[in-house]
Amino acid sequence: MLWYILGAVAVTLLISIPVTAVVATNRRKKFVEGKLGDAETKAREIIDEALKTAEAKKRESLLEVKEESIRTKNELDKEIKERRAEAQRYERRVQQKEEAIDKKTEAIERKEQSLAAKEENLNRMKEEVAKLNEQRVQELERISGLTSEQAKEYLLKIVEDEVKHETAVMIKELESRAKEEADKKAKEYVVNAIQRCAADHVSETTISVVQLPNDEMKGRIIGREGRNIRTLETMTGVDLIIDDTPEAVILSGFDPIRREVARIALEKLIVDGRIHPARIEEMVEKAQKEVEVMIKEEGEAATLEVGVHGIHPELVRLLGKMKFRTSYGQNALKHSIEVAQLSGLLASEMGLDVRLAKRAGLLHDIGKSVDHEMEGSHIQLGSELCRKYKENATVINSVESHHGDVEPTSLIACIVQAADTISAARPGARRETLETYTSRLKQLEEITNNFKGVEKSFAIQAGREVRVMVVPEQISDADMVLMAREISKQIEAELEYPGQIKVNVIRESRVIDYAK
């Protein structure tokens, strides 16, 4: 029984365990299927909502795109309308211009037709005038008894006289106007330059005087049988004049450098007191060295005074040598310094290179330092020296042209010409010999007397003016202007003179009668 019970229980347990497991499995399966169903439902809901949102967004985007396309289309339509309106305006303008051009073309055609008719009419009139002119010439020849060639010559002579008169009047007016303006400006420049430049005028002679402490010194200078004076004269090339002049010895010589050497040597001998041939030779050598030093110092002082630098040392030495050179009594170095100063001032007034003008003015007469030693004029020698020592081309041209031998190629050369004339023409600056002076006056009168129609001429004002008396029946008022001009040109070409010469042509008519 117990076994039955135990067996039933065991069977029951065996049966109940699988059943319980199956039931539990079914329940778990149902629970999981319920959860899955809920998740699927939620997922579907989420997907449906997302689809609805996407659809709404799509509809909104489509609406925005449509609105943008409509707005763009409206703007394009508006722009197209404006372009069309503008094109229509341009078209109307072009049409109007074409109409205006057509009208102008028609007017031009009408004018051309009118001009052609007028030209034809004018040609006919020219032919008629030519015929009438021919008839007139024939009638004039018949009346006057002259051929056309003779009448032409007569008319040409009348026209030539009229043109000559008008030319003379015009020349006179232009000359007077130009002279007024040029003289005013030139005087202003020159006066300003002269007022700012003051130079001493030194008049040199051919003798030097050496003062003696007493008359006994004359005998010592002469020496026994004249050996001392002969030695001094031989060494220096200067003549010693010992006469009745109290306490003085005169040194005479045309070379101022030799005269200066003799003066210094004699003064040294007088101070030393020992006068004999050997001592004389020694003192002359010392004096020559002193003069050489003096020449160099004078040249350097001249360049410093003018403010010109970079000149070759040999040219500087030659400048110093010009201290002992004179021209018409005017010291050559003082003259060159004055010309340099005047050239610089004139160049400053005219806005040119002041330093170059001063350099050209200082060296313009450099040839005078060697013209006693070498053949040739001081102009040729000066230009050769400037070329030799590599001077500026403007300076060389200024040296060559300052007396008009060569045409000036620059304004500076013209300035040097003017400054040279100013320096030479100052009162007291130069002296002329009587022979040179009278010869120039004679040549001046001869030049003017050679002109046709001149009755007589007079050189006055020390050769600064020439008065020309003409025959009134041969020379008219118009001819006087041309004659004065031609006389001036011939004087410039043939004469050399300082400053300027005034040509004064005078025509005088007189009628004389007597009361009886």
Protein backbone atom coordinates (compact mmCIF):
# COMPACT_ATOMS: atom_id res chain seq x y z
CA MET A 1 0.00 0.00 0.00
CA LEU A 2 2.73 2.30 0.95
CA TRP A 3 4.44 1.30 -2.14
CA TYR A 4 1.35 2.08 -4.11
CA ILE A 5 1.07 5.44 -2.52
CA LEU A 6 4.72 6.11 -3.04
CA GLY A 7 4.44 4.98 -6.59
CA ALA A 8 1.36 7.12 -7.20
CA VAL A 9 3.10 10.06 -5.69
CA ALA A 10 6.12 9.41 -7.83
CA VAL A 11 4.01 9.01 -10.93
CA THR A 12 2.12 12.16 -10.03
CA LEU A 13 5.34 13.99 -9.53
CA LEU A 14 6.69 12.66 -12.76
CA ILE A 15 3.59 13.78 -14.58
CA SER A 16 3.21 17.15 -12.81
CA ILE A 17 6.80 18.32 -13.37
CA PRO A 18 6.62 18.25 -17.19
CA VAL A 19 3.15 19.73 -17.16
CA THR A 20 4.25 22.51 -14.85
CA ALA A 21 7.24 23.17 -17.04
CA VAL A 22 5.03 23.31 -20.16
CA VAL A 23 2.58 25.69 -18.45
CA ALA A 24 5.38 27.94 -17.24
CA THR A 25 6.85 27.97 -20.72
CA ASN A 26 3.52 28.94 -22.25
CA ARG A 27 3.03 31.72 -19.78
CA ARG A 28 6.55 33.11 -20.40
CA LYS A 29 5.93 32.88 -24.14
CA LYS A 30 2.68 34.81 -23.85
CA PHE A 31 4.38 37.52 -21.75
CA VAL A 32 7.19 37.95 -24.30
CA GLU A 33 4.71 38.05 -27.20
CA GLY A 34 2.75 40.77 -25.36
CA LYS A 35 5.87 42.86 -24.89
CA LEU A 36 6.83 42.47 -28.54
CA GLY A 37 3.36 43.54 -29.65
CA ASP A 38 3.55 46.68 -27.57
CA ALA A 39 7.00 47.56 -29.01
CA GLU A 40 5.82 47.03 -32.58
CA THR A 41 2.81 49.25 -31.90
CA LYS A 42 5.00 52.02 -30.54
CA ALA A 43 7.38 51.67 -33.44
CA ARG A 44 4.54 51.95 -35.92
CA GLU A 45 3.25 55.02 -34.11
CA ILE A 46 6.74 56.62 -34.21
CA ILE A 47 7.13 55.80 -37.91
CA ASP A 48 3.68 57.17 -38.70
CA GLU A 49 4.43 60.37 -36.82
CA ALA A 50 7.82 60.72 -38.58
CA LEU A 51 6.14 60.21 -41.95
CA LYS A 52 3.54 62.85 -41.10
CA THR A 53 6.30 65.31 -40.04
CA ALA A 54 8.33 64.62 -43.17
CA GLU A 55 5.28 65.12 -45.32
CA ALA A 56 4.60 68.44 -43.62
CA LYS A 57 8.21 69.53 -44.07
CA LYS A 58 8.08 68.50 -47.71
CA ARG A 59 4.91 70.51 -48.27
CA GLU A 60 6.49 73.55 -46.57
CA SER A 61 9.68 73.25 -48.71
CA LEU A 62 7.64 72.94 -51.87
CA LEU A 63 5.69 76.04 -50.91
CA GLU A 64 8.89 78.02 -50.25
CA VAL A 65 10.41 76.88 -53.57
CA LYS A 66 7.25 77.88 -55.42
CA GLU A 67 7.19 81.28 -53.73
CA GLU A 68 10.91 81.86 -54.56
CA SER A 69 10.38 80.82 -58.17
CA ILE A 70 7.37 83.10 -58.45
CA ARG A 71 9.36 86.04 -56.98
CA THR A 72 12.33 85.38 -59.30
CA LYS A 73 10.05 85.15 -62.28
CA ASN A 74 8.42 88.46 -61.35
CA GLU A 75 11.82 90.15 -61.04
CA LEU A 76 12.94 88.75 -64.40
CA ASP A 77 9.71 89.89 -66.00
CA LYS A 78 10.23 93.38 -64.55
CA GLU A 79 13.86 93.55 -65.78
CA ILE A 80 12.81 92.32 -69.22
CA LYS A 81 10.15 95.02 -69.41
CA GLU A 82 12.70 97.69 -68.43
CA ARG A 83 15.20 96.41 -71.01
CA ARG A 84 12.51 96.42 -73.66
CA ALA A 85 11.52 99.97 -72.73
CA GLU A 86 15.17 101.10 -72.87
CA ALA A 87 15.69 99.36 -76.21
CA GLN A 88 12.58 101.09 -77.53
CA ARG A 89 13.96 104.47 -76.36
CA TYR A 90 17.32 103.79 -78.08
CA GLU A 91 15.50 102.70 -81.19
CA ARG A 92 13.47 105.92 -81.21
CA ARG A 93 16.67 107.98 -80.77
CA VAL A 94 18.41 106.14 -83.60
CA GLN A 95 15.40 106.64 -85.76
CA GLN A 96 15.35 110.37 -84.98
CA LYS A 97 19.10 110.67 -85.74
CA GLU A 98 18.64 108.84 -89.01
CA GLU A 99 15.86 111.23 -89.92
CA ALA A 100 18.11 114.23 -89.00
CA ILE A 101 20.99 112.79 -91.05
CA ASP A 102 18.68 112.27 -93.99
CA LYS A 103 17.57 115.90 -93.73
CA LYS A 104 21.19 117.13 -93.52
CA THR A 105 22.16 114.97 -96.48
CA GLU A 106 19.35 116.47 -98.50
CA ALA A 107 20.46 119.98 -97.46
CA ILE A 108 24.09 119.21 -98.41
CA GLU A 109 23.01 117.89 -101.76
CA ARG A 110 21.02 121.06 -102.36
CA LYS A 111 24.07 123.18 -101.33
CA GLU A 112 26.35 121.18 -103.62
CA GLN A 113 24.00 121.75 -106.48
CA SER A 114 23.88 125.47 -105.61
CA LEU A 115 27.72 125.64 -105.34
CA ALA A 116 28.14 123.86 -108.62
CA ALA A 117 25.83 126.40 -110.24
CA LYS A 118 27.72 129.27 -108.58
CA GLU A 119 31.08 127.81 -109.64
CA GLU A 120 29.89 127.57 -113.19
CA ASN A 121 28.65 131.14 -113.00
CA LEU A 122 31.98 132.23 -111.46
CA ASN A 123 33.96 130.58 -114.23
CA ARG A 124 31.90 132.44 -116.80
CA MET A 125 32.51 135.68 -114.89
CA LYS A 126 36.26 134.96 -114.74
CA GLU A 127 36.34 134.48 -118.47
CA GLU A 128 34.48 137.75 -118.92
CA VAL A 129 36.84 139.54 -116.49
CA ALA A 130 39.88 138.13 -118.32
CA LYS A 131 38.49 139.42 -121.60
CA LEU A 132 37.72 142.81 -120.05
CA ASN A 133 41.19 142.95 -118.47
CA GLU A 134 42.80 142.16 -121.79
CA GLN A 135 40.72 144.89 -123.41
CA ARG A 136 41.68 147.28 -120.57
CA VAL A 137 45.39 146.52 -121.00
CA GLN A 138 45.12 147.08 -124.73
CA GLU A 139 43.24 150.36 -124.15
CA LEU A 140 45.82 151.47 -121.54
CA GLU A 141 48.67 150.66 -123.90
CA ARG A 142 46.92 152.62 -126.63
CA ILE A 143 46.28 155.64 -124.34
CA SER A 144 49.63 155.67 -122.49
CA GLY A 145 51.79 154.73 -125.41
CA LEU A 146 53.57 152.12 -123.17
CA THR A 147 53.77 148.41 -123.62
CA SER A 148 52.63 146.08 -120.85
CA GLU A 149 56.27 145.28 -119.96
CA GLN A 150 57.12 148.97 -119.64
CA ALA A 151 54.04 149.60 -117.52
CA LYS A 152 54.93 146.60 -115.36
CA GLU A 153 58.43 147.95 -114.75
CA TYR A 154 56.98 151.34 -113.84
CA LEU A 155 54.51 149.80 -111.41
CA LEU A 156 57.17 147.55 -109.89
CA LYS A 157 59.39 150.56 -109.27
CA ILE A 158 56.55 152.37 -107.54
CA VAL A 159 55.76 149.29 -105.43
CA GLU A 160 59.47 148.80 -104.64
CA ASP A 161 59.76 152.39 -103.40
CA GLU A 162 56.63 151.98 -101.29
CA VAL A 163 57.84 148.67 -99.84
CA LYS A 164 61.27 150.18 -99.17
CA HIS A 165 59.69 153.06 -97.30
CA GLU A 166 57.37 150.78 -95.32
CA THR A 167 60.28 148.43 -94.54
CA ALA A 168 62.39 151.29 -93.26
CA VAL A 169 59.53 152.57 -91.10
CA MET A 170 58.89 149.07 -89.76
CA ILE A 171 62.58 148.52 -89.06
CA LYS A 172 62.76 151.83 -87.25
CA GLU A 173 59.71 151.03 -85.11
CA LEU A 174 60.92 147.52 -84.30
CA GLU A 175 64.43 148.72 -83.55
CA SER A 176 63.21 151.48 -81.28
CA ARG A 177 60.89 149.10 -79.46
CA ALA A 178 63.53 146.39 -79.14
CA LYS A 179 66.14 148.92 -78.05
CA GLU A 180 63.86 150.32 -75.38
CA GLU A 181 63.22 146.90 -73.92
CA ALA A 182 66.72 145.50 -74.42
CA ASP A 183 68.47 148.68 -73.23
CA LYS A 184 66.34 148.83 -70.14
CA LYS A 185 67.05 145.22 -69.22
CA ALA A 186 70.71 145.31 -70.23
CA LYS A 187 71.32 148.56 -68.32
CA GLU A 188 69.70 147.05 -65.27
CA TYR A 189 71.96 143.98 -65.43
CA VAL A 190 75.11 145.94 -66.20
CA VAL A 191 74.49 148.69 -63.63
CA ASN A 192 73.74 146.14 -60.93
CA ALA A 193 76.94 144.26 -61.78
CA ILE A 194 79.09 147.41 -61.94
CA GLN A 195 77.70 148.78 -58.69
CA ARG A 196 78.54 145.53 -56.93
CA CYS A 197 82.06 145.31 -58.38
CA ALA A 198 84.61 147.97 -57.48
CA ALA A 199 88.16 147.57 -58.80
CA ASP A 200 91.20 149.79 -58.64
CA HIS A 201 92.63 151.03 -61.93
CA VAL A 202 96.39 150.78 -62.02
CA SER A 203 98.28 152.73 -64.66
CA GLU A 204 101.71 151.21 -65.21
CA THR A 205 104.71 152.80 -66.86
CA THR A 206 107.94 151.44 -68.24
CA ILE A 207 110.14 152.76 -65.42
CA SER A 208 110.64 152.08 -61.71
CA VAL A 209 112.28 154.42 -59.22
CA VAL A 210 114.51 153.11 -56.41
CA GLN A 211 115.12 155.52 -53.55
CA LEU A 212 118.71 155.82 -52.24
CA PRO A 213 119.77 156.69 -48.68
CA ASN A 214 122.20 159.29 -50.08
CA ASP A 215 123.85 160.39 -53.32
CA GLU A 216 127.11 158.64 -52.42
CA MET A 217 125.35 155.34 -53.08
CA LYS A 218 125.20 156.23 -56.80
CA GLY A 219 128.97 155.92 -57.10
CA ARG A 220 128.97 152.55 -55.35
CA ILE A 221 126.21 151.30 -57.67
CA ILE A 222 128.24 152.39 -60.70
CA GLY A 223 131.42 150.78 -59.29
CA ARG A 224 134.96 151.01 -60.49
CA GLU A 225 134.94 151.75 -64.22
CA GLY A 226 131.21 150.97 -64.22
CA ARG A 227 131.58 147.24 -63.58
CA ASN A 228 128.79 147.07 -60.97
CA ILE A 229 126.19 148.82 -63.13
CA ARG A 230 127.20 146.76 -66.17
CA THR A 231 126.85 143.53 -64.19
CA LEU A 232 123.43 144.53 -62.89
CA GLU A 233 122.22 145.55 -66.35
CA THR A 234 123.59 142.33 -67.90
CA MET A 235 122.03 140.08 -65.26
CA THR A 236 118.59 141.73 -65.30
CA GLY A 237 118.30 143.09 -68.86
CA VAL A 238 117.20 146.46 -67.45
CA ASP A 239 118.76 149.90 -68.05
CA LEU A 240 119.87 151.81 -64.92
CA ILE A 241 119.61 155.56 -65.34
CA ILE A 242 121.69 157.45 -62.82
CA ASP A 243 121.27 161.17 -63.41
CA ASP A 244 120.84 164.35 -61.41
CA THR A 245 117.70 163.12 -59.70
CA PRO A 246 118.51 163.43 -56.00
CA GLU A 247 118.73 160.18 -54.02
CA ALA A 248 117.07 158.06 -56.74
CA VAL A 249 117.96 155.58 -59.46
CA ILE A 250 115.62 154.98 -62.37
CA LEU A 251 115.17 151.46 -63.77
CA SER A 252 113.94 151.44 -67.36
CA GLY A 253 112.71 148.40 -69.28
CA PHE A 254 109.68 147.16 -71.22
CA ASP A 255 109.61 143.81 -69.38
CA PRO A 256 108.02 144.54 -65.99
CA ILE A 257 109.18 141.21 -64.51
CA ARG A 258 112.81 141.99 -65.25
CA ARG A 259 112.29 145.49 -63.91
CA GLU A 260 110.83 144.07 -60.70
CA VAL A 261 113.79 141.64 -60.32
CA ALA A 262 116.21 144.55 -60.80
CA ARG A 263 114.33 146.71 -58.27
CA ILE A 264 114.32 144.00 -55.58
CA ALA A 265 117.98 143.11 -56.19
CA LEU A 266 119.07 146.77 -56.06
CA GLU A 267 117.13 147.40 -52.86
CA LYS A 268 118.71 144.34 -51.26
CA LEU A 269 122.18 145.50 -52.35
CA ILE A 270 121.55 148.96 -50.89
CA VAL A 271 120.43 147.48 -47.56
CA ASP A 272 123.35 145.01 -47.50
CA GLY A 273 125.90 147.66 -48.46
CA ARG A 274 128.25 145.20 -50.17
CA ILE A 275 128.05 145.98 -53.87
CA HIS A 276 130.33 144.05 -56.19
CA PRO A 277 129.74 141.75 -59.21
CA ALA A 278 129.64 138.48 -57.21
CA ARG A 279 127.21 139.96 -54.70
CA ILE A 280 125.12 141.42 -57.49
CA GLU A 281 124.77 137.97 -59.14
CA GLU A 282 123.76 136.45 -55.80
CA MET A 283 121.14 139.15 -55.12
CA VAL A 284 119.73 138.91 -58.64
CA GLU A 285 119.25 135.14 -58.21
CA LYS A 286 117.51 135.72 -54.86
CA ALA A 287 115.34 138.44 -56.41
CA GLN A 288 114.37 136.10 -59.27
CA LYS A 289 113.30 133.43 -56.78
CA GLU A 290 111.33 136.03 -54.80
CA VAL A 291 109.59 137.22 -57.94
CA GLU A 292 108.72 133.62 -58.87
CA VAL A 293 107.22 133.10 -55.41
CA MET A 294 105.43 136.42 -55.73
CA ILE A 295 104.03 135.41 -59.13
CA LYS A 296 102.70 132.14 -57.70
CA GLU A 297 101.21 133.88 -54.67
CA GLU A 298 99.58 136.55 -56.82
CA GLY A 299 98.01 133.88 -59.03
CA GLU A 300 96.70 131.98 -56.01
CA ALA A 301 95.43 135.20 -54.45
CA ALA A 302 93.57 136.05 -57.67
CA THR A 303 91.85 132.64 -57.76
CA LEU A 304 90.90 132.97 -54.07
CA GLU A 305 89.63 136.52 -54.57
CA VAL A 306 87.41 135.45 -57.45
CA GLY A 307 86.42 132.15 -55.80
CA VAL A 308 87.54 129.87 -58.63
CA HIS A 309 89.18 126.56 -57.71
CA GLY A 310 90.67 123.60 -59.57
CA ILE A 311 92.71 125.63 -62.07
CA HIS A 312 95.91 123.94 -63.23
CA PRO A 313 98.98 125.18 -61.25
CA GLU A 314 100.71 126.34 -64.43
CA LEU A 315 97.69 128.49 -65.36
CA VAL A 316 97.70 129.88 -61.81
CA ARG A 317 101.39 130.82 -62.25
CA LEU A 318 100.65 132.48 -65.57
CA LEU A 319 97.83 134.44 -63.91
CA GLY A 320 100.30 135.71 -61.32
CA LYS A 321 102.67 136.67 -64.13
CA MET A 322 99.95 138.97 -65.50
CA LYS A 323 100.45 141.23 -62.48
CA PHE A 324 103.49 142.55 -64.33
CA ARG A 325 101.68 142.88 -67.69
CA THR A 326 99.76 145.97 -68.78
CA SER A 327 97.48 146.75 -71.71
CA TYR A 328 96.97 150.42 -72.61
CA GLY A 329 98.28 151.16 -69.10
CA GLN A 330 95.70 148.86 -67.43
CA ASN A 331 97.11 146.10 -65.22
CA ALA A 332 96.23 142.77 -66.89
CA LEU A 333 95.70 140.81 -63.65
CA LYS A 334 93.47 143.51 -62.12
CA HIS A 335 91.56 143.63 -65.40
CA SER A 336 91.10 139.82 -65.43
CA ILE A 337 89.90 139.81 -61.81
CA GLU A 338 87.43 142.60 -62.57
CA VAL A 339 86.16 140.79 -65.68
CA ALA A 340 85.72 137.61 -63.62
CA GLN A 341 83.75 139.47 -60.95
CA LEU A 342 81.59 141.24 -63.53
CA SER A 343 81.00 137.98 -65.41
CA GLY A 344 79.89 136.26 -62.22
CA LEU A 345 77.52 139.10 -61.33
CA LEU A 346 76.01 139.22 -64.83
CA ALA A 347 75.63 135.42 -64.84
CA SER A 348 73.88 135.63 -61.47
CA GLU A 349 71.49 138.26 -62.82
CA MET A 350 70.70 136.00 -65.81
CA GLY A 351 70.45 132.74 -63.86
CA LEU A 352 73.53 131.07 -65.40
CA ASP A 353 76.46 129.12 -63.90
CA VAL A 354 78.26 131.77 -61.81
CA ARG A 355 81.41 129.70 -61.16
CA LEU A 356 81.89 128.85 -64.84
CA ALA A 357 81.36 132.50 -65.81
CA LYS A 358 83.97 133.63 -63.26
CA ARG A 359 86.41 130.99 -64.50
CA ALA A 360 85.98 132.11 -68.12
CA GLY A 361 86.35 135.78 -67.14
CA LEU A 362 89.50 135.14 -65.11
CA LEU A 363 91.21 133.19 -67.91
CA HIS A 364 90.00 135.25 -70.89
CA ASP A 365 93.33 137.15 -71.22
CA ILE A 366 95.66 134.37 -70.04
CA GLY A 367 97.48 134.55 -73.40
CA LYS A 368 98.85 137.98 -72.44
CA SER A 369 101.17 136.31 -69.91
CA VAL A 370 103.18 134.68 -72.74
CA ASP A 371 102.55 136.88 -75.81
CA HIS A 372 105.95 138.59 -75.30
CA GLU A 373 107.68 135.22 -75.39
CA MET A 374 105.72 133.31 -78.06
CA GLU A 375 104.44 134.09 -81.55
CA GLY A 376 100.73 134.72 -81.98
CA SER A 377 97.96 136.90 -80.60
CA HIS A 378 96.96 136.63 -76.95
CA ILE A 379 93.65 135.07 -78.08
CA GLN A 380 95.36 132.21 -79.96
CA LEU A 381 97.89 131.68 -77.20
CA GLY A 382 95.21 131.77 -74.51
CA SER A 383 92.99 129.20 -76.24
CA GLU A 384 96.03 126.92 -76.80
CA LEU A 385 96.96 127.15 -73.12
CA CYS A 386 93.38 126.37 -72.02
CA ARG A 387 93.25 123.35 -74.34
CA LYS A 388 96.66 122.20 -73.13
CA TYR A 389 95.56 122.23 -69.50
CA LYS A 390 92.12 120.63 -70.17
CA GLU A 391 89.88 123.60 -69.51
CA ASN A 392 86.11 123.50 -70.12
CA ALA A 393 84.94 123.95 -73.74
CA THR A 394 82.85 126.98 -72.68
CA VAL A 395 85.95 128.61 -71.17
CA ILE A 396 87.96 127.96 -74.36
CA ASN A 397 85.19 129.47 -76.52
CA SER A 398 85.01 132.49 -74.19
CA VAL A 399 88.77 133.04 -74.61
CA GLU A 400 88.54 132.71 -78.40
CA SER A 401 85.47 134.91 -78.85
CA HIS A 402 85.95 137.75 -76.35
CA HIS A 403 87.23 140.03 -79.16
CA GLY A 404 84.84 138.69 -81.81
CA ASP A 405 87.42 136.55 -83.64
CA VAL A 406 85.23 133.46 -83.19
CA GLU A 407 81.44 133.25 -82.85
CA PRO A 408 80.37 132.73 -79.19
CA THR A 409 78.60 129.42 -78.62
CA SER A 410 77.16 130.14 -75.19
CA LEU A 411 75.65 132.96 -73.16
CA ILE A 412 78.66 132.83 -70.83
CA ALA A 413 80.96 133.72 -73.75
CA CYS A 414 78.72 136.72 -74.52
CA ILE A 415 78.81 137.72 -70.84
CA VAL A 416 82.64 137.62 -70.86
CA GLN A 417 82.60 139.86 -73.96
CA ALA A 418 80.35 142.36 -72.17
CA ALA A 419 82.38 142.26 -68.94
CA ASP A 420 85.64 142.75 -70.86
CA THR A 421 84.16 145.80 -72.61
CA ILE A 422 82.84 147.23 -69.32
CA SER A 423 86.21 146.83 -67.61
CA ALA A 424 88.11 148.37 -70.54
CA ALA A 425 85.65 151.22 -71.09
CA ARG A 426 85.59 152.50 -67.52
CA PRO A 427 86.92 156.06 -67.21
CA GLY A 428 90.64 155.92 -66.51
CA ALA A 429 90.90 152.18 -67.07
CA ARG A 430 92.95 152.40 -70.25
CA ARG A 431 95.10 154.82 -72.14
CA GLU A 432 95.62 155.02 -75.86
CA THR A 433 98.54 156.45 -77.71
CA LEU A 434 97.85 159.56 -79.76
CA GLU A 435 98.78 157.73 -82.95
CA THR A 436 96.28 154.88 -82.32
CA TYR A 437 93.59 157.35 -81.37
CA THR A 438 93.95 159.58 -84.44
CA SER A 439 94.22 156.53 -86.73
CA ARG A 440 90.91 155.18 -85.43
CA LEU A 441 89.15 158.51 -85.93
CA LYS A 442 90.50 158.75 -89.47
CA GLN A 443 89.33 155.23 -90.33
CA LEU A 444 85.92 155.99 -88.87
CA GLU A 445 85.43 159.02 -91.11
CA GLU A 446 86.77 157.15 -94.16
CA ILE A 447 84.24 154.34 -93.70
CA THR A 448 81.29 156.72 -93.53
CA ASN A 449 82.50 158.90 -96.44
CA ASN A 450 82.57 155.89 -98.77
CA PHE A 451 78.78 155.52 -98.69
CA LYS A 452 76.81 156.95 -101.61
CA GLY A 453 74.89 160.12 -100.75
CA VAL A 454 77.16 161.12 -97.83
CA GLU A 455 78.21 164.77 -98.07
CA LYS A 456 80.62 164.78 -95.11
CA SER A 457 81.11 163.09 -91.76
CA PHE A 458 82.65 164.02 -88.41
CA ALA A 459 84.03 161.73 -85.69
CA ILE A 460 83.25 163.40 -82.36
CA GLN A 461 83.11 162.56 -78.65
CA ALA A 462 86.61 161.01 -78.77
CA GLY A 463 85.46 158.55 -81.42
CA ARG A 464 82.33 157.51 -79.49
CA GLU A 465 80.02 159.11 -82.08
CA VAL A 466 80.14 159.79 -85.81
CA ARG A 467 77.82 162.34 -87.42
CA VAL A 468 77.02 161.69 -91.06
CA MET A 469 75.62 164.55 -93.17
CA VAL A 470 73.77 163.27 -96.27
CA VAL A 471 72.61 164.96 -99.46
CA PRO A 472 68.82 165.40 -99.01
CA GLU A 473 68.11 165.08 -102.74
CA GLN A 474 69.77 161.64 -102.88
CA ILE A 475 68.85 160.13 -99.51
CA SER A 476 65.24 160.02 -98.25
CA ASP A 477 64.10 159.72 -94.64
CA ALA A 478 63.47 156.00 -95.20
CA ASP A 479 66.94 155.54 -96.72
CA MET A 480 68.53 157.11 -93.62
CA VAL A 481 67.41 154.20 -91.44
CA LEU A 482 68.96 151.64 -93.76
CA MET A 483 72.13 153.72 -94.19
CA ALA A 484 72.68 154.04 -90.42
CA ARG A 485 72.30 150.28 -90.09
CA GLU A 486 74.75 149.53 -92.92
CA ILE A 487 77.34 152.01 -91.57
CA SER A 488 77.11 150.41 -88.11
CA LYS A 489 77.67 146.94 -89.56
CA GLN A 490 80.70 148.07 -91.58
CA ILE A 491 82.24 149.81 -88.54
CA GLU A 492 81.77 146.64 -86.50
CA ALA A 493 83.43 144.58 -89.24
CA GLU A 494 86.43 146.83 -89.92
CA LEU A 495 87.29 148.66 -86.69
CA GLU A 496 88.45 147.57 -83.25
CA TYR A 497 87.34 149.91 -80.48
CA PRO A 498 86.35 149.81 -76.80
CA GLY A 499 82.69 150.29 -75.91
CA GLN A 500 80.30 151.36 -78.68
CA ILE A 501 80.11 154.02 -81.41
CA LYS A 502 76.93 155.98 -82.06
CA VAL A 503 76.09 156.49 -85.75
CA ASN A 504 74.07 159.69 -86.20
CA VAL A 505 72.78 160.23 -89.78
CA ILE A 506 71.48 163.78 -90.41
CA ARG A 507 69.40 164.89 -93.38
CA GLU A 508 68.72 168.61 -93.61
CA SER A 509 66.81 170.56 -96.26
CA ARG A 510 67.23 174.33 -96.60
CA VAL A 511 65.51 176.88 -98.77
CA ILE A 512 67.31 180.21 -99.17
CA ASP A 513 65.96 183.38 -100.65
CA TYR A 514 66.92 187.07 -100.47
CA ALA A 515 64.75 190.10 -99.86
CA LYS A 516 65.83 192.96 -102.11
